[in-house]
């Protein structure tokens, strides 16, 4: 099976997702969060650095739950061209 190349919007969304998860992780180690979310630390690292721009829904959901983020807040943060800049305040409040 051949994967189609990602669009610039998909790449940007992946970068915003990674930034959001890094920010929400705060001082917790990547290993701690990954193990608690039942994902590999390598997968979490790739998501946080934008190398996996379109991670699976179950992976995003597991990490979000572990970080105390609602999926609605995650989507609000990463959707659209503004991403963190457009709705960052709302998402930060939801993550608190």
Protein backbone atom coordinates (compact mmCIF):
# COMPACT_ATOMS: atom_id res chain seq x y z
CA UNK A 1 0.00 0.00 0.00
CA UNK A 2 1.35 3.39 -0.98
CA UNK A 3 0.69 6.37 1.26
CA UNK A 4 -0.12 9.63 -0.43
CA UNK A 5 2.16 12.54 0.43
CA UNK A 6 0.89 14.78 3.20
CA UNK A 7 -0.49 18.16 2.31
CA UNK A 8 1.09 21.30 3.79
CA UNK A 9 -2.04 21.68 5.97
CA UNK A 10 -1.64 18.15 7.34
CA UNK A 11 2.01 18.79 8.10
CA UNK A 12 1.18 22.06 9.87
CA UNK A 13 -1.60 20.37 11.87
CA UNK A 14 0.86 17.66 12.93
CA UNK A 15 3.33 20.29 14.07
CA UNK A 16 0.62 22.07 16.08
CA UNK A 17 -0.42 18.76 17.66
CA UNK A 18 3.17 18.05 18.65
CA UNK A 19 3.59 21.50 20.17
CA UNK A 20 0.33 21.13 22.11
CA UNK A 21 1.31 17.74 23.53
CA UNK A 22 4.80 18.97 24.46
CA UNK A 23 3.31 21.97 26.21
CA UNK A 24 0.71 19.88 28.05
CA UNK A 25 3.35 17.36 29.11
CA UNK A 26 5.15 20.14 30.97
CA UNK A 27 7.79 18.77 33.28
CA UNK A 28 6.72 15.15 32.95
CA UNK A 29 9.14 12.92 31.11
CA UNK A 30 8.23 11.65 27.69
CA UNK A 31 8.84 8.10 28.91
CA UNK A 32 6.44 8.52 31.85
CA UNK A 33 3.64 9.88 29.65
CA UNK A 34 4.16 7.31 26.90
CA UNK A 35 4.12 4.35 29.28
CA UNK A 36 1.04 5.67 31.09
CA UNK A 37 -0.74 6.19 27.74
CA UNK A 38 0.35 2.74 26.53
CA UNK A 39 2.21 4.07 23.49
CA UNK A 40 5.87 3.69 22.72
CA UNK A 41 8.16 6.56 23.75
CA UNK A 42 9.43 6.62 20.16
CA UNK A 43 5.89 7.16 18.85
CA UNK A 44 5.30 10.01 21.28
CA UNK A 45 8.66 11.55 20.35
CA UNK A 46 7.79 11.38 16.66
CA UNK A 47 4.39 12.98 17.25
CA UNK A 48 5.85 15.75 19.41
CA UNK A 49 8.49 16.57 16.81
CA UNK A 50 6.05 16.48 13.91
CA UNK A 51 7.62 13.44 12.24
CA UNK A 52 4.27 11.65 12.50
CA UNK A 53 1.88 14.31 11.28
CA UNK A 54 -1.18 12.06 11.18
CA UNK A 55 -1.05 9.76 14.20
CA UNK A 56 -3.89 7.32 14.77
CA UNK A 57 -6.94 8.49 16.68
CA UNK A 58 -6.50 5.93 19.50
CA UNK A 59 -2.92 7.11 20.02
CA UNK A 60 -3.90 10.78 20.18
CA UNK A 61 -6.83 9.95 22.46
CA UNK A 62 -4.67 7.92 24.87
CA UNK A 63 -2.02 10.63 25.13
CA UNK A 64 -4.63 13.38 25.47
CA UNK A 65 -6.38 11.54 28.31
CA UNK A 66 -3.08 10.98 30.08
CA UNK A 67 -2.28 14.70 29.78
CA UNK A 68 -5.74 15.74 30.96
CA UNK A 69 -6.76 17.19 27.59
CA UNK A 70 -10.20 16.73 26.13
CA UNK A 71 -10.30 15.72 22.49
CA UNK A 72 -12.45 18.78 21.81
CA UNK A 73 -9.70 20.99 23.22
CA UNK A 74 -7.05 19.17 21.18
CA UNK A 75 -9.04 19.62 17.97
CA UNK A 76 -9.74 23.29 18.73
CA UNK A 77 -6.00 23.85 19.18
CA UNK A 78 -4.79 22.10 16.06
CA UNK A 79 -7.55 22.74 13.53
CA UNK A 80 -7.27 25.52 11.00
CA UNK A 81 -4.43 27.74 9.87
CA UNK A 82 -4.20 29.62 13.18
CA UNK A 83 -3.88 26.55 15.36
CA UNK A 84 -2.32 27.48 18.68
CA UNK A 85 -2.34 31.15 17.86
CA UNK A 86 -6.03 31.29 17.00
CA UNK A 87 -7.41 29.41 19.98
CA UNK A 88 -4.44 28.97 22.28
CA UNK A 89 -6.00 30.69 25.27
CA UNK A 90 -9.09 28.48 25.18
CA UNK A 91 -7.00 25.35 24.94
CA UNK A 92 -4.65 26.39 27.73
CA UNK A 93 -7.63 26.91 30.02
CA UNK A 94 -9.00 23.49 29.08
CA UNK A 95 -5.63 21.88 29.79
CA UNK A 96 -5.35 23.54 33.22
